Protein backbone atom coordinates (compact mmCIF):
# COMPACT_ATOMS: atom_id res chain seq x y z
CA UNK A 1 0.00 0.00 0.00
CA UNK A 2 2.92 2.27 -0.03
CA UNK A 3 2.72 4.93 -2.69
CA UNK A 4 5.02 7.00 -4.83
CA UNK A 5 4.35 10.56 -6.23
CA UNK A 6 1.58 13.12 -6.27
CA UNK A 7 1.85 14.78 -2.90
CA UNK A 8 -0.84 17.28 -3.68
CA UNK A 9 -4.51 16.91 -4.34
CA UNK A 10 -5.34 17.00 -8.01
CA UNK A 11 -7.50 15.51 -10.72
CA UNK A 12 -6.06 13.58 -13.61
CA UNK A 13 -7.76 12.64 -16.85
CA UNK A 14 -7.47 9.68 -19.15
CA UNK A 15 -6.41 9.86 -22.80
CA UNK A 16 -7.79 13.00 -24.52
CA UNK A 17 -9.28 10.99 -27.37
CA UNK A 18 -11.56 9.09 -24.99
CA UNK A 19 -14.27 10.27 -22.64
CA UNK A 20 -12.48 12.21 -19.93
CA UNK A 21 -12.85 10.02 -16.88
CA UNK A 22 -11.57 11.92 -13.88
CA UNK A 23 -10.15 10.37 -10.76
CA UNK A 24 -9.05 12.05 -7.59
CA UNK A 25 -5.61 11.59 -6.09
CA UNK A 26 -5.65 12.12 -2.37
CA UNK A 27 -3.31 14.46 -0.53
CA UNK A 28 -0.05 12.76 0.41
CA UNK A 29 -0.39 9.92 -2.09
CA UNK A 30 3.38 9.52 -1.97
CA UNK A 31 3.30 8.13 1.55
CA UNK A 32 0.01 6.24 1.99
CA UNK A 33 0.33 2.81 3.56
CA UNK A 34 -1.25 0.43 6.04
CA UNK A 35 0.86 -2.31 7.58
CA UNK A 36 0.67 -4.56 10.61
CA UNK A 37 2.76 -7.26 12.26
CA UNK A 38 0.96 -9.90 14.30
CA UNK A 39 1.79 -13.20 15.93
CA UNK A 40 -0.78 -15.83 15.12
CA UNK A 41 -1.63 -19.33 13.99
CA UNK A 42 -2.36 -19.80 10.29
CA UNK A 43 -5.04 -22.44 9.80
CA UNK A 44 -5.90 -24.04 6.43
CA UNK A 45 -9.36 -23.59 4.89
CA UNK A 46 -12.13 -25.70 6.36
CA UNK A 47 -13.74 -25.99 2.92
CA UNK A 48 -12.27 -26.15 -0.57
CA UNK A 49 -13.27 -22.64 -1.69
CA UNK A 50 -12.89 -20.84 1.65
CA UNK A 51 -9.95 -18.80 2.95
CA UNK A 52 -7.23 -19.52 5.46
CA UNK A 53 -7.79 -18.24 8.99
CA UNK A 54 -5.35 -16.35 11.20
CA UNK A 55 -5.97 -16.93 14.91
CA UNK A 56 -4.43 -14.19 17.09
CA UNK A 57 -3.14 -14.73 20.66
CA UNK A 58 -6.36 -13.46 22.29
CA UNK A 59 -8.43 -15.87 20.19
CA UNK A 60 -9.72 -13.35 17.69
CA UNK A 61 -9.73 -14.76 14.16
CA UNK A 62 -9.16 -12.89 10.90
CA UNK A 63 -9.76 -14.10 7.36
CA UNK A 64 -6.29 -14.57 5.85
CA UNK A 65 -5.47 -13.93 2.20
CA UNK A 66 -2.16 -13.52 0.36
CA UNK A 67 -0.52 -10.71 -1.59
CA UNK A 68 0.30 -12.81 -4.64
CA UNK A 69 -0.10 -16.25 -6.21
CA UNK A 70 3.34 -17.43 -5.03
CA UNK A 71 2.56 -16.83 -1.36
CA UNK A 72 -0.84 -18.46 -1.77
CA UNK A 73 0.77 -21.53 -3.35
CA UNK A 74 3.25 -21.80 -0.49
CA UNK A 75 0.46 -21.59 2.09
CA UNK A 76 -1.46 -24.37 0.33
CA UNK A 77 1.51 -26.63 -0.34
CA UNK A 78 4.13 -26.10 2.36
CA UNK A 79 3.24 -27.36 5.82
CA UNK A 80 5.86 -25.16 7.51
CA UNK A 81 3.86 -22.04 6.58
CA UNK A 82 0.94 -23.24 8.70
CA UNK A 83 0.96 -22.95 12.46
CA UNK A 84 2.41 -20.23 14.69
CA UNK A 85 4.46 -17.46 13.06
CA UNK A 86 4.89 -13.70 12.96
CA UNK A 87 3.00 -12.34 9.96
CA UNK A 88 3.30 -8.99 8.21
CA UNK A 89 0.38 -7.81 6.14
CA UNK A 90 -2.34 -5.36 5.17
CA UNK A 91 -5.32 -5.25 7.55
CA UNK A 92 -8.87 -4.94 6.26
CA UNK A 93 -11.81 -3.37 8.08
CA UNK A 94 -15.56 -3.70 7.56
CA UNK A 95 -18.25 -1.92 9.58
CA UNK A 96 -15.57 -0.54 11.94
CA UNK A 97 -14.27 -4.04 12.75
CA UNK A 98 -11.08 -5.81 11.73
CA UNK A 99 -12.09 -8.69 9.48
CA UNK A 100 -9.15 -9.61 7.25
CA UNK A 101 -5.40 -9.73 6.90
CA UNK A 102 -3.56 -9.92 3.56
CA UNK A 103 -0.26 -11.64 4.30
CA UNK A 104 2.87 -10.33 2.59
CA UNK A 105 5.55 -12.11 4.66
CA UNK A 106 6.09 -14.36 7.68
CA UNK A 107 8.85 -14.58 10.30
CA UNK A 108 11.23 -12.40 8.25
CA UNK A 109 12.78 -9.70 10.50
CA UNK A 110 9.82 -9.84 12.84
CA UNK A 111 8.81 -8.57 15.24
CA UNK A 112 10.30 -5.15 14.53
CA UNK A 113 8.78 -3.79 17.72
CA UNK A 114 11.63 -4.01 20.28
CA UNK A 115 9.20 -5.19 22.98
CA UNK A 116 7.82 -7.94 20.77
CA UNK A 117 4.36 -6.41 20.51
CA UNK A 118 1.94 -6.39 17.60
CA UNK A 119 2.26 -3.27 15.46
CA UNK A 120 -0.50 -1.50 13.55
CA UNK A 121 0.62 1.53 11.54
CA UNK A 122 -1.37 3.60 9.07
CA UNK A 123 -0.50 6.62 6.92
CA UNK A 124 -3.43 8.26 5.18
CA UNK A 125 -5.75 11.23 4.98
CA UNK A 126 -8.16 12.09 7.78
CA UNK A 127 -11.64 12.57 6.32
CA UNK A 128 -14.83 14.36 7.28
CA UNK A 129 -16.38 10.90 7.85
CA UNK A 130 -13.92 10.50 10.77
CA UNK A 131 -11.87 7.73 9.23
CA UNK A 132 -8.33 7.44 7.96
CA UNK A 133 -8.37 6.68 4.23
CA UNK A 134 -5.34 4.88 2.82
CA UNK A 135 -5.02 5.01 -0.96
CA UNK A 136 -3.34 2.34 -3.08
CA UNK A 137 -0.18 3.44 -4.86
CA UNK A 138 -0.46 5.22 -8.19
CA UNK A 139 3.05 3.91 -8.77
CA UNK A 140 1.60 0.43 -9.34
CA UNK A 141 0.76 -0.32 -12.96
CA UNK A 142 -2.42 -2.25 -12.10
CA UNK A 143 -3.73 0.69 -10.05
CA UNK A 144 -3.01 3.22 -12.83
CA UNK A 145 -4.77 1.02 -15.38
CA UNK A 146 -7.75 0.54 -13.08
CA UNK A 147 -7.97 4.29 -12.49
CA UNK A 148 -7.92 5.07 -16.22
CA UNK A 149 -10.58 2.48 -17.00
CA UNK A 150 -12.96 3.06 -14.12
CA UNK A 151 -12.09 6.44 -12.65
CA UNK A 152 -11.67 4.64 -9.32
CA UNK A 153 -8.57 4.29 -7.15
CA UNK A 154 -8.77 1.55 -4.52
CA UNK A 155 -8.86 2.91 -0.99
CA UNK A 156 -9.03 1.35 2.44
CA UNK A 157 -10.81 3.02 5.35
CA UNK A 158 -9.85 2.58 8.99
CA UNK A 159 -11.73 3.70 12.09
CA UNK A 160 -10.67 3.81 15.73
CA UNK A 161 -12.51 3.26 19.00
CA UNK A 162 -11.07 6.37 20.70
CA UNK A 163 -11.37 8.86 17.82
CA UNK A 164 -13.41 11.30 19.92
CA UNK A 165 -10.56 11.77 22.41
CA UNK A 166 -8.15 12.82 19.66
CA UNK A 167 -10.70 15.10 18.00
CA UNK A 168 -11.42 16.74 21.34
CA UNK A 169 -7.73 17.50 21.83
CA UNK A 170 -7.63 18.89 18.26
CA UNK A 171 -5.02 16.42 17.04
CA UNK A 172 -6.91 15.33 13.87
CA UNK A 173 -7.96 17.73 11.10
CA UNK A 174 -9.88 16.92 7.93
CA UNK A 175 -7.70 16.92 4.81
CA UNK A 176 -4.41 16.35 6.60
CA UNK A 177 -2.23 13.25 6.27
CA UNK A 178 -1.18 11.51 9.46
CA UNK A 179 0.78 8.50 10.56
CA UNK A 180 -1.31 6.79 13.21
CA UNK A 181 0.12 4.13 15.53
CA UNK A 182 -2.46 1.85 17.10
CA UNK A 183 -3.03 -0.96 19.55
CA UNK A 184 -5.52 -3.69 18.72
CA UNK A 185 -8.35 -4.32 21.16
CA UNK A 186 -9.98 -7.55 19.97
CA UNK A 187 -11.63 -6.52 16.67
CA UNK A 188 -11.06 -2.73 16.94
CA UNK A 189 -8.09 -0.37 16.89
CA UNK A 190 -7.18 2.21 19.54
CA UNK A 191 -5.05 5.22 18.58
CA UNK A 192 -1.86 5.50 20.63
CA UNK A 193 0.04 8.17 18.70
CA UNK A 194 -0.78 10.67 15.93
CA UNK A 195 2.10 12.02 13.84
CA UNK A 196 1.40 14.84 11.31
CA UNK A 197 2.83 13.60 8.04
CA UNK A 198 1.77 15.92 5.20
CA UNK A 199 -0.43 18.96 4.76
CA UNK A 200 -2.80 20.05 1.99
CA UNK A 201 -1.28 22.16 -0.78
CA UNK A 202 -3.19 25.20 0.48
CA UNK A 203 -3.35 25.48 4.25
CA UNK A 204 -6.55 26.84 5.79
CA UNK A 205 -6.40 30.41 7.11
CA UNK A 206 -8.05 31.03 10.51
CA UNK A 207 -11.26 33.03 10.07
CA UNK A 208 -10.36 35.59 12.72
CA UNK A 209 -7.00 36.41 11.14
CA UNK A 210 -6.87 39.42 8.84
CA UNK A 211 -4.16 39.91 6.26
CA UNK A 212 -3.22 43.19 4.55
CA UNK A 213 -2.57 42.29 0.92
CA UNK A 214 -0.64 45.56 0.41
CA UNK A 215 1.90 44.90 3.11
CA UNK A 216 5.31 43.54 2.20
CA UNK A 217 7.29 41.11 4.43
CA UNK A 218 9.26 44.07 5.77
CA UNK A 219 6.07 45.78 6.87
CA UNK A 220 6.21 48.50 4.19
CA UNK A 221 3.73 49.00 1.42
CA UNK A 222 4.86 48.61 -2.22
CA UNK A 223 4.48 52.39 -2.65
CA UNK A 224 6.85 53.11 0.24
CA UNK A 225 9.45 50.71 -1.08
CA UNK A 226 9.30 52.32 -4.50
CA UNK A 227 9.86 55.78 -3.07
CA UNK A 228 12.97 54.83 -1.05
C-alpha atoms as a PDB file:
ATOM      1  CA  UNK A   1       0.000   0.000   0.000  1.00  0.00           C
ATOM      2  CA  UNK A   2       2.916   2.271  -0.027  1.00  0.00           C
ATOM      3  CA  UNK A   3       2.725   4.933  -2.687  1.00  0.00           C
ATOM      4  CA  UNK A   4       5.023   7.004  -4.826  1.00  0.00           C
ATOM      5  CA  UNK A   5       4.352  10.556  -6.227  1.00  0.00           C
ATOM      6  CA  UNK A   6       1.582  13.122  -6.273  1.00  0.00           C
ATOM      7  CA  UNK A   7       1.853  14.776  -2.900  1.00  0.00           C
ATOM      8  CA  UNK A   8      -0.845  17.279  -3.678  1.00  0.00           C
ATOM      9  CA  UNK A   9      -4.507  16.913  -4.342  1.00  0.00           C
ATOM     10  CA  UNK A  10      -5.345  17.003  -8.006  1.00  0.00           C
ATOM     11  CA  UNK A  11      -7.498  15.507 -10.720  1.00  0.00           C
ATOM     12  CA  UNK A  12      -6.061  13.577 -13.614  1.00  0.00           C
ATOM     13  CA  UNK A  13      -7.755  12.638 -16.845  1.00  0.00           C
ATOM     14  CA  UNK A  14      -7.467   9.683 -19.154  1.00  0.00           C
ATOM     15  CA  UNK A  15      -6.412   9.861 -22.799  1.00  0.00           C
ATOM     16  CA  UNK A  16      -7.790  13.003 -24.524  1.00  0.00           C
ATOM     17  CA  UNK A  17      -9.282  10.992 -27.374  1.00  0.00           C
ATOM     18  CA  UNK A  18     -11.560   9.089 -24.990  1.00  0.00           C
ATOM     19  CA  UNK A  19     -14.269  10.266 -22.641  1.00  0.00           C
ATOM     20  CA  UNK A  20     -12.479  12.210 -19.932  1.00  0.00           C
ATOM     21  CA  UNK A  21     -12.853  10.023 -16.879  1.00  0.00           C
ATOM     22  CA  UNK A  22     -11.569  11.924 -13.883  1.00  0.00           C
ATOM     23  CA  UNK A  23     -10.152  10.373 -10.758  1.00  0.00           C
ATOM     24  CA  UNK A  24      -9.053  12.050  -7.593  1.00  0.00           C
ATOM     25  CA  UNK A  25      -5.611  11.594  -6.092  1.00  0.00           C
ATOM     26  CA  UNK A  26      -5.647  12.123  -2.365  1.00  0.00           C
ATOM     27  CA  UNK A  27      -3.311  14.458  -0.534  1.00  0.00           C
ATOM     28  CA  UNK A  28      -0.047  12.762   0.408  1.00  0.00           C
ATOM     29  CA  UNK A  29      -0.388   9.919  -2.090  1.00  0.00           C
ATOM     30  CA  UNK A  30       3.381   9.521  -1.971  1.00  0.00           C
ATOM     31  CA  UNK A  31       3.296   8.128   1.547  1.00  0.00           C
ATOM     32  CA  UNK A  32       0.015   6.244   1.986  1.00  0.00           C
ATOM     33  CA  UNK A  33       0.327   2.812   3.561  1.00  0.00           C
ATOM     34  CA  UNK A  34      -1.251   0.426   6.043  1.00  0.00           C
ATOM     35  CA  UNK A  35       0.859  -2.310   7.577  1.00  0.00           C
ATOM     36  CA  UNK A  36       0.669  -4.565  10.606  1.00  0.00           C
ATOM     37  CA  UNK A  37       2.755  -7.264  12.263  1.00  0.00           C
ATOM     38  CA  UNK A  38       0.958  -9.902  14.303  1.00  0.00           C
ATOM     39  CA  UNK A  39       1.794 -13.197  15.928  1.00  0.00           C
ATOM     40  CA  UNK A  40      -0.781 -15.831  15.124  1.00  0.00           C
ATOM     41  CA  UNK A  41      -1.627 -19.326  13.989  1.00  0.00           C
ATOM     42  CA  UNK A  42      -2.355 -19.795  10.287  1.00  0.00           C
ATOM     43  CA  UNK A  43      -5.036 -22.439   9.800  1.00  0.00           C
ATOM     44  CA  UNK A  44      -5.898 -24.039   6.430  1.00  0.00           C
ATOM     45  CA  UNK A  45      -9.356 -23.587   4.893  1.00  0.00           C
ATOM     46  CA  UNK A  46     -12.126 -25.705   6.359  1.00  0.00           C
ATOM     47  CA  UNK A  47     -13.743 -25.993   2.921  1.00  0.00           C
ATOM     48  CA  UNK A  48     -12.267 -26.145  -0.565  1.00  0.00           C
ATOM     49  CA  UNK A  49     -13.269 -22.639  -1.686  1.00  0.00           C
ATOM     50  CA  UNK A  50     -12.887 -20.838   1.646  1.00  0.00           C
ATOM     51  CA  UNK A  51      -9.953 -18.799   2.948  1.00  0.00           C
ATOM     52  CA  UNK A  52      -7.229 -19.520   5.457  1.00  0.00           C
ATOM     53  CA  UNK A  53      -7.785 -18.240   8.993  1.00  0.00           C
ATOM     54  CA  UNK A  54      -5.355 -16.350  11.199  1.00  0.00           C
ATOM     55  CA  UNK A  55      -5.965 -16.932  14.914  1.00  0.00           C
ATOM     56  CA  UNK A  56      -4.427 -14.191  17.086  1.00  0.00           C
ATOM     57  CA  UNK A  57      -3.139 -14.726  20.662  1.00  0.00           C
ATOM     58  CA  UNK A  58      -6.362 -13.464  22.295  1.00  0.00           C
ATOM     59  CA  UNK A  59      -8.426 -15.872  20.188  1.00  0.00           C
ATOM     60  CA  UNK A  60      -9.724 -13.345  17.695  1.00  0.00           C
ATOM     61  CA  UNK A  61      -9.733 -14.763  14.155  1.00  0.00           C
ATOM     62  CA  UNK A  62      -9.164 -12.893  10.899  1.00  0.00           C
ATOM     63  CA  UNK A  63      -9.756 -14.102   7.362  1.00  0.00           C
ATOM     64  CA  UNK A  64      -6.287 -14.572   5.853  1.00  0.00           C
ATOM     65  CA  UNK A  65      -5.472 -13.926   2.197  1.00  0.00           C
ATOM     66  CA  UNK A  66      -2.159 -13.520   0.362  1.00  0.00           C
ATOM     67  CA  UNK A  67      -0.525 -10.714  -1.586  1.00  0.00           C
ATOM     68  CA  UNK A  68       0.298 -12.808  -4.642  1.00  0.00           C
ATOM     69  CA  UNK A  69      -0.096 -16.246  -6.206  1.00  0.00           C
ATOM     70  CA  UNK A  70       3.336 -17.432  -5.033  1.00  0.00           C
ATOM     71  CA  UNK A  71       2.563 -16.827  -1.364  1.00  0.00           C
ATOM     72  CA  UNK A  72      -0.843 -18.458  -1.771  1.00  0.00           C
ATOM     73  CA  UNK A  73       0.767 -21.528  -3.353  1.00  0.00           C
ATOM     74  CA  UNK A  74       3.253 -21.803  -0.486  1.00  0.00           C
ATOM     75  CA  UNK A  75       0.459 -21.592   2.087  1.00  0.00           C
ATOM     76  CA  UNK A  76      -1.458 -24.373   0.331  1.00  0.00           C
ATOM     77  CA  UNK A  77       1.513 -26.633  -0.342  1.00  0.00           C
ATOM     78  CA  UNK A  78       4.126 -26.103   2.358  1.00  0.00           C
ATOM     79  CA  UNK A  79       3.241 -27.365   5.816  1.00  0.00           C
ATOM     80  CA  UNK A  80       5.858 -25.156   7.507  1.00  0.00           C
ATOM     81  CA  UNK A  81       3.859 -22.040   6.583  1.00  0.00           C
ATOM     82  CA  UNK A  82       0.939 -23.237   8.696  1.00  0.00           C
ATOM     83  CA  UNK A  83       0.959 -22.949  12.461  1.00  0.00           C
ATOM     84  CA  UNK A  84       2.412 -20.234  14.691  1.00  0.00           C
ATOM     85  CA  UNK A  85       4.464 -17.461  13.063  1.00  0.00           C
ATOM     86  CA  UNK A  86       4.892 -13.702  12.959  1.00  0.00           C
ATOM     87  CA  UNK A  87       2.995 -12.338   9.957  1.00  0.00           C
ATOM     88  CA  UNK A  88       3.302  -8.985   8.212  1.00  0.00           C
ATOM     89  CA  UNK A  89       0.377  -7.811   6.142  1.00  0.00           C
ATOM     90  CA  UNK A  90      -2.338  -5.360   5.170  1.00  0.00           C
ATOM     91  CA  UNK A  91      -5.316  -5.247   7.549  1.00  0.00           C
ATOM     92  CA  UNK A  92      -8.865  -4.937   6.258  1.00  0.00           C
ATOM     93  CA  UNK A  93     -11.814  -3.374   8.080  1.00  0.00           C
ATOM     94  CA  UNK A  94     -15.561  -3.701   7.557  1.00  0.00           C
ATOM     95  CA  UNK A  95     -18.247  -1.916   9.580  1.00  0.00           C
ATOM     96  CA  UNK A  96     -15.572  -0.541  11.943  1.00  0.00           C
ATOM     97  CA  UNK A  97     -14.267  -4.044  12.745  1.00  0.00           C
ATOM     98  CA  UNK A  98     -11.077  -5.814  11.729  1.00  0.00           C
ATOM     99  CA  UNK A  99     -12.093  -8.685   9.476  1.00  0.00           C
ATOM    100  CA  UNK A 100      -9.151  -9.606   7.251  1.00  0.00           C
ATOM    101  CA  UNK A 101      -5.400  -9.728   6.903  1.00  0.00           C
ATOM    102  CA  UNK A 102      -3.559  -9.918   3.564  1.00  0.00           C
ATOM    103  CA  UNK A 103      -0.265 -11.640   4.299  1.00  0.00           C
ATOM    104  CA  UNK A 104       2.872 -10.325   2.590  1.00  0.00           C
ATOM    105  CA  UNK A 105       5.548 -12.115   4.664  1.00  0.00           C
ATOM    106  CA  UNK A 106       6.088 -14.355   7.683  1.00  0.00           C
ATOM    107  CA  UNK A 107       8.849 -14.584  10.302  1.00  0.00           C
ATOM    108  CA  UNK A 108      11.227 -12.403   8.249  1.00  0.00           C
ATOM    109  CA  UNK A 109      12.783  -9.700  10.500  1.00  0.00           C
ATOM    110  CA  UNK A 110       9.818  -9.837  12.836  1.00  0.00           C
ATOM    111  CA  UNK A 111       8.813  -8.571  15.239  1.00  0.00           C
ATOM    112  CA  UNK A 112      10.295  -5.150  14.528  1.00  0.00           C
ATOM    113  CA  UNK A 113       8.779  -3.794  17.725  1.00  0.00           C
ATOM    114  CA  UNK A 114      11.627  -4.010  20.281  1.00  0.00           C
ATOM    115  CA  UNK A 115       9.200  -5.191  22.975  1.00  0.00           C
ATOM    116  CA  UNK A 116       7.819  -7.943  20.770  1.00  0.00           C
ATOM    117  CA  UNK A 117       4.360  -6.409  20.507  1.00  0.00           C
ATOM    118  CA  UNK A 118       1.937  -6.389  17.602  1.00  0.00           C
ATOM    119  CA  UNK A 119       2.264  -3.268  15.463  1.00  0.00           C
ATOM    120  CA  UNK A 120      -0.500  -1.496  13.555  1.00  0.00           C
ATOM    121  CA  UNK A 121       0.622   1.528  11.538  1.00  0.00           C
ATOM    122  CA  UNK A 122      -1.371   3.602   9.067  1.00  0.00           C
ATOM    123  CA  UNK A 123      -0.497   6.619   6.923  1.00  0.00           C
ATOM    124  CA  UNK A 124      -3.427   8.256   5.181  1.00  0.00           C
ATOM    125  CA  UNK A 125      -5.747  11.229   4.975  1.00  0.00           C
ATOM    126  CA  UNK A 126      -8.163  12.087   7.785  1.00  0.00           C
ATOM    127  CA  UNK A 127     -11.645  12.573   6.323  1.00  0.00           C
ATOM    128  CA  UNK A 128     -14.830  14.356   7.280  1.00  0.00           C
ATOM    129  CA  UNK A 129     -16.375  10.899   7.849  1.00  0.00           C
ATOM    130  CA  UNK A 130     -13.917  10.500  10.767  1.00  0.00           C
ATOM    131  CA  UNK A 131     -11.874   7.731   9.234  1.00  0.00           C
ATOM    132  CA  UNK A 132      -8.333   7.435   7.957  1.00  0.00           C
ATOM    133  CA  UNK A 133      -8.373   6.677   4.229  1.00  0.00           C
ATOM    134  CA  UNK A 134      -5.341   4.879   2.820  1.00  0.00           C
ATOM    135  CA  UNK A 135      -5.023   5.006  -0.959  1.00  0.00           C
ATOM    136  CA  UNK A 136      -3.341   2.342  -3.077  1.00  0.00           C
ATOM    137  CA  UNK A 137      -0.183   3.438  -4.858  1.00  0.00           C
ATOM    138  CA  UNK A 138      -0.460   5.224  -8.194  1.00  0.00           C
ATOM    139  CA  UNK A 139       3.051   3.908  -8.771  1.00  0.00           C
ATOM    140  CA  UNK A 140       1.603   0.426  -9.338  1.00  0.00           C
ATOM    141  CA  UNK A 141       0.755  -0.324 -12.961  1.00  0.00           C
ATOM    142  CA  UNK A 142      -2.421  -2.253 -12.097  1.00  0.00           C
ATOM    143  CA  UNK A 143      -3.730   0.686 -10.050  1.00  0.00           C
ATOM    144  CA  UNK A 144      -3.013   3.217 -12.827  1.00  0.00           C
ATOM    145  CA  UNK A 145      -4.775   1.020 -15.380  1.00  0.00           C
ATOM    146  CA  UNK A 146      -7.751   0.539 -13.080  1.00  0.00           C
ATOM    147  CA  UNK A 147      -7.973   4.291 -12.493  1.00  0.00           C
ATOM    148  CA  UNK A 148      -7.920   5.074 -16.216  1.00  0.00           C
ATOM    149  CA  UNK A 149     -10.578   2.476 -17.001  1.00  0.00           C
ATOM    150  CA  UNK A 150     -12.959   3.056 -14.124  1.00  0.00           C
ATOM    151  CA  UNK A 151     -12.088   6.442 -12.647  1.00  0.00           C
ATOM    152  CA  UNK A 152     -11.670   4.641  -9.321  1.00  0.00           C
ATOM    153  CA  UNK A 153      -8.575   4.290  -7.150  1.00  0.00           C
ATOM    154  CA  UNK A 154      -8.767   1.550  -4.524  1.00  0.00           C
ATOM    155  CA  UNK A 155      -8.860   2.908  -0.993  1.00  0.00           C
ATOM    156  CA  UNK A 156      -9.033   1.345   2.444  1.00  0.00           C
ATOM    157  CA  UNK A 157     -10.811   3.018   5.347  1.00  0.00           C
ATOM    158  CA  UNK A 158      -9.851   2.584   8.995  1.00  0.00           C
ATOM    159  CA  UNK A 159     -11.734   3.696  12.090  1.00  0.00           C
ATOM    160  CA  UNK A 160     -10.667   3.813  15.732  1.00  0.00           C
ATOM    161  CA  UNK A 161     -12.506   3.257  18.996  1.00  0.00           C
ATOM    162  CA  UNK A 162     -11.066   6.371  20.699  1.00  0.00           C
ATOM    163  CA  UNK A 163     -11.366   8.863  17.818  1.00  0.00           C
ATOM    164  CA  UNK A 164     -13.415  11.299  19.920  1.00  0.00           C
ATOM    165  CA  UNK A 165     -10.559  11.771  22.413  1.00  0.00           C
ATOM    166  CA  UNK A 166      -8.151  12.822  19.658  1.00  0.00           C
ATOM    167  CA  UNK A 167     -10.701  15.096  17.996  1.00  0.00           C
ATOM    168  CA  UNK A 168     -11.425  16.739  21.343  1.00  0.00           C
ATOM    169  CA  UNK A 169      -7.726  17.503  21.835  1.00  0.00           C
ATOM    170  CA  UNK A 170      -7.630  18.893  18.262  1.00  0.00           C
ATOM    171  CA  UNK A 171      -5.019  16.420  17.036  1.00  0.00           C
ATOM    172  CA  UNK A 172      -6.912  15.330  13.867  1.00  0.00           C
ATOM    173  CA  UNK A 173      -7.965  17.726  11.100  1.00  0.00           C
ATOM    174  CA  UNK A 174      -9.877  16.925   7.927  1.00  0.00           C
ATOM    175  CA  UNK A 175      -7.697  16.924   4.812  1.00  0.00           C
ATOM    176  CA  UNK A 176      -4.409  16.352   6.600  1.00  0.00           C
ATOM    177  CA  UNK A 177      -2.234  13.254   6.274  1.00  0.00           C
ATOM    178  CA  UNK A 178      -1.185  11.511   9.462  1.00  0.00           C
ATOM    179  CA  UNK A 179       0.782   8.500  10.563  1.00  0.00           C
ATOM    180  CA  UNK A 180      -1.314   6.786  13.210  1.00  0.00           C
ATOM    181  CA  UNK A 181       0.117   4.133  15.532  1.00  0.00           C
ATOM    182  CA  UNK A 182      -2.463   1.850  17.100  1.00  0.00           C
ATOM    183  CA  UNK A 183      -3.031  -0.959  19.545  1.00  0.00           C
ATOM    184  CA  UNK A 184      -5.525  -3.692  18.722  1.00  0.00           C
ATOM    185  CA  UNK A 185      -8.353  -4.316  21.163  1.00  0.00           C
ATOM    186  CA  UNK A 186      -9.984  -7.550  19.972  1.00  0.00           C
ATOM    187  CA  UNK A 187     -11.627  -6.517  16.668  1.00  0.00           C
ATOM    188  CA  UNK A 188     -11.059  -2.733  16.936  1.00  0.00           C
ATOM    189  CA  UNK A 189      -8.086  -0.368  16.893  1.00  0.00           C
ATOM    190  CA  UNK A 190      -7.177   2.212  19.536  1.00  0.00           C
ATOM    191  CA  UNK A 191      -5.048   5.224  18.580  1.00  0.00           C
ATOM    192  CA  UNK A 192      -1.861   5.495  20.629  1.00  0.00           C
ATOM    193  CA  UNK A 193       0.036   8.167  18.702  1.00  0.00           C
ATOM    194  CA  UNK A 194      -0.776  10.665  15.932  1.00  0.00           C
ATOM    195  CA  UNK A 195       2.096  12.022  13.837  1.00  0.00           C
ATOM    196  CA  UNK A 196       1.400  14.843  11.310  1.00  0.00           C
ATOM    197  CA  UNK A 197       2.830  13.600   8.037  1.00  0.00           C
ATOM    198  CA  UNK A 198       1.774  15.925   5.196  1.00  0.00           C
ATOM    199  CA  UNK A 199      -0.435  18.964   4.756  1.00  0.00           C
ATOM    200  CA  UNK A 200      -2.800  20.049   1.991  1.00  0.00           C
ATOM    201  CA  UNK A 201      -1.276  22.158  -0.778  1.00  0.00           C
ATOM    202  CA  UNK A 202      -3.190  25.198   0.483  1.00  0.00           C
ATOM    203  CA  UNK A 203      -3.350  25.475   4.251  1.00  0.00           C
ATOM    204  CA  UNK A 204      -6.554  26.840   5.787  1.00  0.00           C
ATOM    205  CA  UNK A 205      -6.395  30.407   7.110  1.00  0.00           C
ATOM    206  CA  UNK A 206      -8.051  31.031  10.510  1.00  0.00           C
ATOM    207  CA  UNK A 207     -11.255  33.029  10.072  1.00  0.00           C
ATOM    208  CA  UNK A 208     -10.355  35.586  12.716  1.00  0.00           C
ATOM    209  CA  UNK A 209      -7.001  36.407  11.141  1.00  0.00           C
ATOM    210  CA  UNK A 210      -6.867  39.425   8.842  1.00  0.00           C
ATOM    211  CA  UNK A 211      -4.159  39.911   6.256  1.00  0.00           C
ATOM    212  CA  UNK A 212      -3.216  43.187   4.551  1.00  0.00           C
ATOM    213  CA  UNK A 213      -2.573  42.295   0.917  1.00  0.00           C
ATOM    214  CA  UNK A 214      -0.644  45.559   0.406  1.00  0.00           C
ATOM    215  CA  UNK A 215       1.899  44.904   3.106  1.00  0.00           C
ATOM    216  CA  UNK A 216       5.314  43.538   2.203  1.00  0.00           C
ATOM    217  CA  UNK A 217       7.287  41.107   4.426  1.00  0.00           C
ATOM    218  CA  UNK A 218       9.256  44.075   5.771  1.00  0.00           C
ATOM    219  CA  UNK A 219       6.068  45.783   6.871  1.00  0.00           C
ATOM    220  CA  UNK A 220       6.213  48.498   4.192  1.00  0.00           C
ATOM    221  CA  UNK A 221       3.727  49.001   1.418  1.00  0.00           C
ATOM    222  CA  UNK A 222       4.861  48.608  -2.219  1.00  0.00           C
ATOM    223  CA  UNK A 223       4.480  52.389  -2.652  1.00  0.00           C
ATOM    224  CA  UNK A 224       6.846  53.115   0.244  1.00  0.00           C
ATOM    225  CA  UNK A 225       9.448  50.706  -1.077  1.00  0.00           C
ATOM    226  CA  UNK A 226       9.299  52.320  -4.504  1.00  0.00           C
ATOM    227  CA  UNK A 227       9.856  55.783  -3.073  1.00  0.00           C
ATOM    228  CA  UNK A 228      12.965  54.831  -1.055  1.00  0.00           C
END
